[in-house]
Structures are given as structure tokens and as C-alpha cells.
Amino acid sequence: MWLMLKRRSKRRYVSIMHAGGSSNSVNAITKRFSELFGTIAAEKAAIRLVQQGANESIIRFRLEQLENVLVAITLIDPPVVTLAMSGSIRQLRRRRQQYSRPKASHLA
């Protein structure tokens, strides 16, 4: 007898830089995604705003839809820039801090 294990789907976190409000950017990404791939695929992607800042936000979505979400991010207007991506929010924040700190070798 085989038991089916319930597994939570894997997620990806993306840090994006935007010009307008962060909720507007997430809504624009979700809208473009559903226009390109359909509303059922948009629901399966589960695009959610995790953290918002003045001009930078973190969004979460399911790994299976990675390529489609990146296409949707690329094709929204006003444009949004993808800064970093990771499988965990902790690692994403570490990467963002790493990129924002100036290197010591350039200061000498």
C-alpha cells in the first residue's frame, strides 16, 4: 500500500525595484500574468506580496511558474527591475545586503 505524502509546493522569492507603489506593481504583475497565461495559471502561481518598501518589494510565487512569472515581470508597464531571487526569504535578504554594501577593495 502506497501512502501519498502531502508536500507543500516549493516557492521562490524575488526582490524587485519599482517606481510606483508596491501593491500596484504586484497587481500589475498578476494582471499581466493572467493576460499571458490565463487566470487558472495565475491562481496556481500564487503571486503574493511579502514585504514592501519605498521603492523595493519582495514577492513570493510557486517554483513551477518561475519562468512565466519572470516573463510577466519583464512585460509590465511601468517597468520593474528584478534585483535578486532565492528559495528562502532569509537568503534573499542576505543577498540584497551583500549587493548593497560597498566592497572594501574599492575603498582603498
N, C-alpha and C. Protein backbone atom coordinates (compact mmCIF):
# COMPACT_ATOMS: atom_id res chain seq x y z
N MET A 1 0.83 -1.18 0.00
CA MET A 1 0.00 0.00 0.00
C MET A 1 0.88 1.25 0.00
N TRP A 2 0.67 2.11 -0.97
CA TRP A 2 1.44 3.34 -1.08
C TRP A 2 0.70 4.46 -0.37
N LEU A 3 1.44 5.22 0.37
CA LEU A 3 0.87 6.39 1.01
C LEU A 3 1.28 7.63 0.23
N MET A 4 0.34 8.45 -0.04
CA MET A 4 0.66 9.70 -0.72
C MET A 4 1.02 10.75 0.33
N LEU A 5 2.20 11.27 0.22
CA LEU A 5 2.63 12.31 1.14
C LEU A 5 2.20 13.67 0.61
N LYS A 6 1.64 14.45 1.49
CA LYS A 6 1.30 15.81 1.09
C LYS A 6 2.53 16.68 1.28
N ARG A 7 2.95 17.30 0.22
CA ARG A 7 4.11 18.18 0.29
C ARG A 7 3.68 19.58 -0.07
N ARG A 8 4.23 20.51 0.67
CA ARG A 8 3.99 21.91 0.33
C ARG A 8 4.79 22.23 -0.92
N SER A 9 4.19 22.99 -1.81
CA SER A 9 4.89 23.32 -3.05
C SER A 9 6.05 24.27 -2.74
N LYS A 10 7.11 24.13 -3.54
CA LYS A 10 8.28 24.98 -3.35
C LYS A 10 7.98 26.38 -3.85
N ARG A 11 8.61 27.33 -3.19
CA ARG A 11 8.38 28.74 -3.52
C ARG A 11 9.68 29.41 -3.90
N ARG A 12 9.54 30.53 -4.57
CA ARG A 12 10.68 31.39 -4.86
C ARG A 12 10.32 32.79 -4.41
N TYR A 13 11.33 33.50 -3.96
CA TYR A 13 11.18 34.88 -3.52
C TYR A 13 12.01 35.75 -4.43
N VAL A 14 11.43 36.86 -4.87
CA VAL A 14 12.12 37.78 -5.77
C VAL A 14 12.05 39.17 -5.18
N SER A 15 13.21 39.84 -5.17
CA SER A 15 13.27 41.23 -4.76
C SER A 15 13.18 42.08 -6.03
N ILE A 16 12.23 43.01 -6.04
CA ILE A 16 12.03 43.86 -7.22
C ILE A 16 12.12 45.32 -6.83
N MET A 17 12.60 46.14 -7.76
CA MET A 17 12.65 47.58 -7.57
C MET A 17 11.63 48.20 -8.52
N HIS A 18 10.79 49.07 -7.97
CA HIS A 18 9.71 49.66 -8.75
C HIS A 18 9.65 51.16 -8.53
N ALA A 19 8.97 51.84 -9.43
CA ALA A 19 8.87 53.29 -9.34
C ALA A 19 7.66 53.72 -8.53
N GLY A 20 6.51 53.06 -8.75
CA GLY A 20 5.28 53.44 -8.06
C GLY A 20 5.10 52.68 -6.77
N GLY A 21 3.85 52.55 -6.34
CA GLY A 21 3.53 51.80 -5.13
C GLY A 21 3.78 50.31 -5.32
N SER A 22 4.17 49.64 -4.24
CA SER A 22 4.50 48.22 -4.34
C SER A 22 3.27 47.37 -4.64
N SER A 23 2.12 47.70 -4.04
CA SER A 23 0.92 46.91 -4.30
C SER A 23 0.50 47.07 -5.75
N ASN A 24 0.73 48.25 -6.33
CA ASN A 24 0.43 48.46 -7.74
C ASN A 24 1.30 47.57 -8.62
N SER A 25 2.57 47.41 -8.25
CA SER A 25 3.48 46.56 -9.02
C SER A 25 3.06 45.11 -8.97
N VAL A 26 2.69 44.63 -7.79
CA VAL A 26 2.26 43.24 -7.65
C VAL A 26 0.96 43.01 -8.42
N ASN A 27 0.05 43.96 -8.33
CA ASN A 27 -1.21 43.84 -9.10
C ASN A 27 -0.93 43.85 -10.60
N ALA A 28 0.02 44.67 -11.03
CA ALA A 28 0.37 44.73 -12.45
C ALA A 28 0.99 43.41 -12.91
N ILE A 29 1.84 42.82 -12.07
CA ILE A 29 2.47 41.53 -12.40
C ILE A 29 1.40 40.45 -12.51
N THR A 30 0.50 40.41 -11.53
CA THR A 30 -0.57 39.40 -11.53
C THR A 30 -1.49 39.58 -12.74
N LYS A 31 -1.82 40.82 -13.04
CA LYS A 31 -2.70 41.11 -14.19
C LYS A 31 -2.04 40.68 -15.50
N ARG A 32 -0.76 41.05 -15.68
CA ARG A 32 -0.04 40.67 -16.90
C ARG A 32 0.10 39.16 -17.00
N PHE A 33 0.36 38.50 -15.87
CA PHE A 33 0.49 37.05 -15.85
C PHE A 33 -0.81 36.39 -16.32
N SER A 34 -1.95 36.87 -15.80
CA SER A 34 -3.23 36.26 -16.19
C SER A 34 -3.56 36.57 -17.65
N GLU A 35 -3.15 37.73 -18.16
CA GLU A 35 -3.35 38.06 -19.57
C GLU A 35 -2.55 37.12 -20.47
N LEU A 36 -1.33 36.82 -20.06
CA LEU A 36 -0.45 35.99 -20.88
C LEU A 36 -0.75 34.50 -20.76
N PHE A 37 -1.03 34.02 -19.55
CA PHE A 37 -1.10 32.58 -19.30
C PHE A 37 -2.45 32.10 -18.78
N GLY A 38 -3.39 33.00 -18.54
CA GLY A 38 -4.73 32.62 -18.10
C GLY A 38 -4.91 32.75 -16.60
N THR A 39 -6.15 32.86 -16.19
CA THR A 39 -6.45 33.09 -14.76
C THR A 39 -6.18 31.85 -13.92
N ILE A 40 -6.36 30.67 -14.48
CA ILE A 40 -6.09 29.45 -13.70
C ILE A 40 -4.61 29.34 -13.40
N ALA A 41 -3.76 29.61 -14.39
CA ALA A 41 -2.31 29.59 -14.17
C ALA A 41 -1.90 30.67 -13.17
N ALA A 42 -2.58 31.82 -13.21
CA ALA A 42 -2.27 32.90 -12.27
C ALA A 42 -2.59 32.48 -10.84
N GLU A 43 -3.70 31.77 -10.66
CA GLU A 43 -4.04 31.28 -9.32
C GLU A 43 -3.04 30.22 -8.86
N LYS A 44 -2.61 29.36 -9.76
CA LYS A 44 -1.62 28.33 -9.41
C LYS A 44 -0.27 28.94 -9.07
N ALA A 45 0.05 30.07 -9.69
CA ALA A 45 1.33 30.73 -9.41
C ALA A 45 1.35 31.32 -8.01
N ALA A 46 0.21 31.71 -7.48
CA ALA A 46 0.08 32.26 -6.12
C ALA A 46 1.07 33.40 -5.87
N ILE A 47 1.00 34.42 -6.70
CA ILE A 47 1.89 35.58 -6.56
C ILE A 47 1.41 36.43 -5.39
N ARG A 48 2.28 36.63 -4.40
CA ARG A 48 1.91 37.38 -3.20
C ARG A 48 3.00 38.38 -2.82
N LEU A 49 2.57 39.50 -2.26
CA LEU A 49 3.50 40.50 -1.73
C LEU A 49 3.89 40.07 -0.32
N VAL A 50 5.20 39.93 -0.08
CA VAL A 50 5.69 39.50 1.23
C VAL A 50 6.13 40.70 2.05
N GLN A 51 6.88 41.60 1.42
CA GLN A 51 7.40 42.77 2.12
C GLN A 51 7.42 43.93 1.15
N GLN A 52 7.07 45.10 1.65
CA GLN A 52 7.09 46.27 0.77
C GLN A 52 7.93 47.36 1.40
N GLY A 53 8.58 48.11 0.51
CA GLY A 53 9.37 49.25 0.93
C GLY A 53 9.02 50.44 0.06
N ALA A 54 9.79 51.49 0.19
CA ALA A 54 9.52 52.70 -0.59
C ALA A 54 9.61 52.44 -2.09
N ASN A 55 10.71 51.82 -2.52
CA ASN A 55 10.86 51.52 -3.95
C ASN A 55 11.34 50.10 -4.19
N GLU A 56 11.32 49.26 -3.16
CA GLU A 56 11.74 47.86 -3.29
C GLU A 56 10.77 46.97 -2.54
N SER A 57 10.43 45.84 -3.16
CA SER A 57 9.49 44.90 -2.55
C SER A 57 9.97 43.48 -2.75
N ILE A 58 9.41 42.57 -1.96
CA ILE A 58 9.69 41.15 -2.10
C ILE A 58 8.37 40.46 -2.40
N ILE A 59 8.37 39.68 -3.48
CA ILE A 59 7.18 38.90 -3.82
C ILE A 59 7.51 37.42 -3.76
N ARG A 60 6.45 36.61 -3.55
CA ARG A 60 6.60 35.16 -3.46
C ARG A 60 5.69 34.52 -4.50
N PHE A 61 6.14 33.40 -5.06
CA PHE A 61 5.32 32.65 -6.01
C PHE A 61 5.80 31.21 -6.03
N ARG A 62 5.06 30.35 -6.69
CA ARG A 62 5.41 28.93 -6.75
C ARG A 62 6.49 28.68 -7.79
N LEU A 63 7.38 27.77 -7.45
CA LEU A 63 8.54 27.45 -8.30
C LEU A 63 8.13 26.97 -9.69
N GLU A 64 7.03 26.22 -9.78
CA GLU A 64 6.62 25.68 -11.09
C GLU A 64 6.36 26.79 -12.10
N GLN A 65 6.02 27.95 -11.63
CA GLN A 65 5.67 29.07 -12.52
C GLN A 65 6.81 30.09 -12.65
N LEU A 66 8.02 29.72 -12.29
CA LEU A 66 9.16 30.65 -12.27
C LEU A 66 9.34 31.37 -13.60
N GLU A 67 9.46 30.63 -14.68
CA GLU A 67 9.71 31.25 -15.98
C GLU A 67 8.57 32.19 -16.39
N ASN A 68 7.34 31.75 -16.16
CA ASN A 68 6.19 32.57 -16.54
C ASN A 68 6.11 33.85 -15.72
N VAL A 69 6.43 33.78 -14.44
CA VAL A 69 6.41 34.97 -13.59
C VAL A 69 7.48 35.95 -14.05
N LEU A 70 8.67 35.45 -14.37
CA LEU A 70 9.74 36.32 -14.85
C LEU A 70 9.36 36.99 -16.17
N VAL A 71 8.66 36.27 -17.04
CA VAL A 71 8.18 36.86 -18.29
C VAL A 71 7.19 37.97 -17.98
N ALA A 72 6.27 37.72 -17.05
CA ALA A 72 5.27 38.72 -16.69
C ALA A 72 5.92 39.95 -16.08
N ILE A 73 6.95 39.75 -15.24
CA ILE A 73 7.67 40.87 -14.63
C ILE A 73 8.34 41.71 -15.73
N THR A 74 8.89 41.03 -16.71
CA THR A 74 9.57 41.73 -17.80
C THR A 74 8.62 42.57 -18.63
N LEU A 75 7.39 42.12 -18.78
CA LEU A 75 6.47 42.76 -19.71
C LEU A 75 5.47 43.72 -19.07
N ILE A 76 5.64 44.09 -17.80
CA ILE A 76 4.68 45.03 -17.21
C ILE A 76 5.10 46.48 -17.48
N ASP A 77 4.12 47.35 -17.36
CA ASP A 77 4.37 48.78 -17.53
C ASP A 77 3.70 49.51 -16.38
N PRO A 78 4.37 50.29 -15.57
CA PRO A 78 5.75 50.74 -15.66
C PRO A 78 6.73 49.61 -15.35
N PRO A 79 7.92 49.69 -15.91
CA PRO A 79 8.89 48.61 -15.76
C PRO A 79 9.32 48.39 -14.32
N VAL A 80 9.66 47.13 -14.03
CA VAL A 80 10.14 46.71 -12.71
C VAL A 80 11.46 45.99 -12.94
N VAL A 81 12.41 46.18 -12.04
CA VAL A 81 13.72 45.54 -12.15
C VAL A 81 13.81 44.43 -11.10
N THR A 82 14.21 43.23 -11.53
CA THR A 82 14.43 42.12 -10.62
C THR A 82 15.84 42.25 -10.06
N LEU A 83 15.96 42.35 -8.73
CA LEU A 83 17.26 42.55 -8.09
C LEU A 83 17.92 41.25 -7.67
N ALA A 84 17.16 40.36 -7.05
CA ALA A 84 17.71 39.09 -6.57
C ALA A 84 16.58 38.08 -6.46
N MET A 85 16.97 36.78 -6.46
CA MET A 85 15.99 35.71 -6.33
C MET A 85 16.57 34.62 -5.45
N SER A 86 15.70 33.98 -4.64
CA SER A 86 16.16 32.91 -3.77
C SER A 86 15.00 32.00 -3.40
N GLY A 87 15.33 30.83 -2.86
CA GLY A 87 14.32 29.88 -2.41
C GLY A 87 13.86 30.15 -1.00
N SER A 88 14.58 30.98 -0.26
CA SER A 88 14.16 31.34 1.09
C SER A 88 14.28 32.85 1.26
N ILE A 89 13.40 33.39 2.07
CA ILE A 89 13.39 34.84 2.27
C ILE A 89 14.63 35.29 3.03
N ARG A 90 15.14 34.43 3.91
CA ARG A 90 16.35 34.77 4.68
C ARG A 90 17.55 34.92 3.74
N GLN A 91 17.72 33.96 2.83
CA GLN A 91 18.83 34.03 1.88
C GLN A 91 18.68 35.22 0.93
N LEU A 92 17.46 35.53 0.55
CA LEU A 92 17.22 36.69 -0.32
C LEU A 92 17.66 37.98 0.37
N ARG A 93 17.31 38.12 1.64
CA ARG A 93 17.72 39.32 2.38
C ARG A 93 19.24 39.39 2.51
N ARG A 94 19.89 38.25 2.72
CA ARG A 94 21.36 38.23 2.78
C ARG A 94 21.97 38.69 1.47
N ARG A 95 21.43 38.20 0.38
CA ARG A 95 21.95 38.59 -0.94
C ARG A 95 21.77 40.08 -1.20
N ARG A 96 20.62 40.61 -0.82
CA ARG A 96 20.37 42.04 -1.00
C ARG A 96 21.34 42.87 -0.18
N GLN A 97 21.64 42.45 1.05
CA GLN A 97 22.61 43.18 1.88
C GLN A 97 24.00 43.09 1.28
N GLN A 98 24.34 41.94 0.74
CA GLN A 98 25.65 41.73 0.11
C GLN A 98 25.84 42.68 -1.06
N TYR A 99 24.80 42.83 -1.90
CA TYR A 99 24.91 43.68 -3.07
C TYR A 99 24.91 45.15 -2.73
N SER A 100 24.27 45.52 -1.63
CA SER A 100 24.16 46.94 -1.29
C SER A 100 25.38 47.47 -0.56
N ARG A 101 26.18 46.58 0.06
CA ARG A 101 27.39 47.03 0.77
C ARG A 101 28.52 47.31 -0.22
N PRO A 102 29.25 48.40 -0.02
CA PRO A 102 30.42 48.64 -0.89
C PRO A 102 31.56 47.68 -0.52
N LYS A 103 32.30 47.28 -1.52
CA LYS A 103 33.42 46.37 -1.29
C LYS A 103 34.60 47.15 -0.72
N ALA A 104 35.34 46.51 0.21
CA ALA A 104 36.48 47.15 0.87
C ALA A 104 37.62 47.43 -0.10
N SER A 105 37.78 46.55 -1.10
CA SER A 105 38.90 46.73 -2.04
C SER A 105 38.73 47.98 -2.89
N HIS A 106 37.51 48.43 -3.10
CA HIS A 106 37.28 49.63 -3.90
C HIS A 106 37.49 50.92 -3.10
N LEU A 107 37.48 50.81 -1.79
CA LEU A 107 37.63 51.99 -0.94
C LEU A 107 39.08 52.38 -0.75
N ALA A 108 40.00 51.47 -0.94
CA ALA A 108 41.43 51.75 -0.69
C ALA A 108 42.06 52.53 -1.81
